[in-house]
Amino acid sequence: MADSQKFPVAAHALAYLAHCGAMSPEAAVSSVELAASIPTNPVVIRRVTGMLAQAGLVATRAGAHGGAWLLKPADQIGLDQVLRAVAGCAHLGVPPAGARGC
């Protein structure tokens, strides 16, 4: 998946988890359901939720009853955290070489 696609997929996944009230393992949303909501492939969702899990924004569980859920309320997750979690726009905030007054 291109870096430019990770951020919108991650933001959508987090918004969908919040919409579903997925705040515990019992309320986990499967990668198939998340993928259908975007739409994309469940493998893409698993890769992105893995990145979000490494950043401490979601937790995941594999298996037939697996899925993802939020580790904190959605209103406490900033878009900058999501951007960093998926390593998107690494150059954000860094002016291009030779740029003046940027």
Protein backbone atom coordinates (compact mmCIF):
# COMPACT_ATOMS: atom_id res chain seq x y z
CA MET A 1 0.00 0.00 0.00
CA ALA A 2 1.28 3.43 -0.88
CA ASP A 3 2.20 5.68 2.04
CA SER A 4 -0.36 8.20 0.82
CA GLN A 5 -3.15 5.64 1.35
CA LYS A 6 -2.25 4.60 4.90
CA PHE A 7 -3.37 7.77 6.63
CA PRO A 8 -6.91 7.93 5.19
CA VAL A 9 -7.41 4.21 5.81
CA ALA A 10 -6.17 4.58 9.40
CA ALA A 11 -8.34 7.65 10.07
CA HIS A 12 -11.39 5.91 8.63
CA ALA A 13 -10.73 2.75 10.64
CA LEU A 14 -10.48 4.74 13.88
CA ALA A 15 -13.65 6.69 13.09
CA TYR A 16 -15.49 3.46 12.29
CA LEU A 17 -14.33 1.83 15.52
CA ALA A 18 -15.59 4.86 17.44
CA HIS A 19 -18.90 4.79 15.54
CA CYS A 20 -19.34 1.11 16.46
CA GLY A 21 -18.42 1.74 20.10
CA ALA A 22 -15.52 -0.70 19.88
CA MET A 23 -13.85 0.06 23.21
CA SER A 24 -13.20 -3.48 24.47
CA PRO A 25 -12.25 -6.92 23.15
CA GLU A 26 -15.90 -7.95 23.39
CA ALA A 27 -16.84 -5.15 21.00
CA ALA A 28 -13.96 -5.75 18.56
CA VAL A 29 -14.67 -5.07 14.89
CA SER A 30 -13.28 -7.59 12.43
CA SER A 31 -10.93 -6.65 9.63
CA VAL A 32 -13.56 -7.92 7.17
CA GLU A 33 -16.17 -5.50 8.53
CA LEU A 34 -13.70 -2.61 8.62
CA ALA A 35 -12.56 -3.37 5.07
CA ALA A 36 -16.14 -3.43 3.80
CA SER A 37 -16.76 0.01 5.32
CA ILE A 38 -13.94 1.67 3.34
CA PRO A 39 -13.95 -0.46 0.91
CA THR A 40 -10.58 -2.14 0.78
CA ASN A 41 -9.02 -5.52 1.39
CA PRO A 42 -8.96 -6.99 4.94
CA VAL A 43 -5.19 -7.49 4.60
CA VAL A 44 -4.79 -3.72 4.18
CA ILE A 45 -6.84 -3.19 7.34
CA ARG A 46 -4.74 -5.68 9.30
CA ARG A 47 -1.53 -3.93 8.24
CA VAL A 48 -2.86 -0.51 9.22
CA THR A 49 -4.40 -1.65 12.50
CA GLY A 50 -1.07 -3.29 13.30
CA MET A 51 0.61 0.11 12.92
CA LEU A 52 -2.09 1.73 15.05
CA ALA A 53 -1.60 -0.96 17.68
CA GLN A 54 2.16 -0.34 17.79
CA ALA A 55 1.35 3.33 18.43
CA GLY A 56 -0.95 2.39 21.32
CA LEU A 57 -4.12 3.68 19.66
CA VAL A 58 -5.89 0.35 19.20
CA ALA A 59 -5.54 -3.24 20.31
CA THR A 60 -6.05 -6.22 18.05
CA ARG A 61 -6.80 -9.89 18.44
CA ALA A 62 -6.34 -12.50 15.73
CA GLY A 63 -8.67 -15.36 14.98
CA ALA A 64 -12.29 -16.08 14.19
CA HIS A 65 -13.50 -13.79 16.97
CA GLY A 66 -10.71 -11.29 16.52
CA GLY A 67 -10.70 -7.70 15.46
CA ALA A 68 -9.67 -4.27 16.63
CA TRP A 69 -10.88 -1.90 19.31
CA LEU A 70 -9.90 1.54 20.57
CA LEU A 71 -7.65 1.85 23.60
CA LYS A 72 -8.84 5.36 24.40
CA PRO A 73 -11.83 7.51 23.47
CA ALA A 74 -11.75 8.81 19.92
CA ASP A 75 -11.84 12.43 21.09
CA GLN A 76 -8.45 11.82 22.72
CA ILE A 77 -6.80 10.68 19.47
CA GLY A 78 -5.30 13.47 17.40
CA LEU A 79 -4.80 13.30 13.68
CA ASP A 80 -1.12 14.01 14.27
CA GLN A 81 -0.93 10.76 16.30
CA VAL A 82 -2.56 8.87 13.46
CA LEU A 83 -0.19 10.40 10.92
CA ARG A 84 2.84 9.42 13.01
CA ALA A 85 1.45 5.92 13.62
CA VAL A 86 1.35 5.13 9.92
CA ALA A 87 4.57 7.04 9.17
CA GLY A 88 2.75 9.18 6.66
CA CYS A 89 4.07 12.47 5.40
CA ALA A 90 7.46 12.16 7.05
CA HIS A 91 8.33 15.51 5.51
CA LEU A 92 5.35 17.31 7.13
CA GLY A 93 6.59 20.46 8.83
CA VAL A 94 9.97 20.32 7.10
CA PRO A 95 10.41 22.90 4.35
CA PRO A 96 11.72 21.58 1.06
CA ALA A 97 15.39 22.15 0.31
CA GLY A 98 15.93 25.68 -1.00
CA ALA A 99 12.51 26.92 0.15
CA ARG A 100 12.59 30.36 1.72
CA GLY A 101 9.90 31.76 3.94
CA CYS A 102 8.09 28.44 4.10
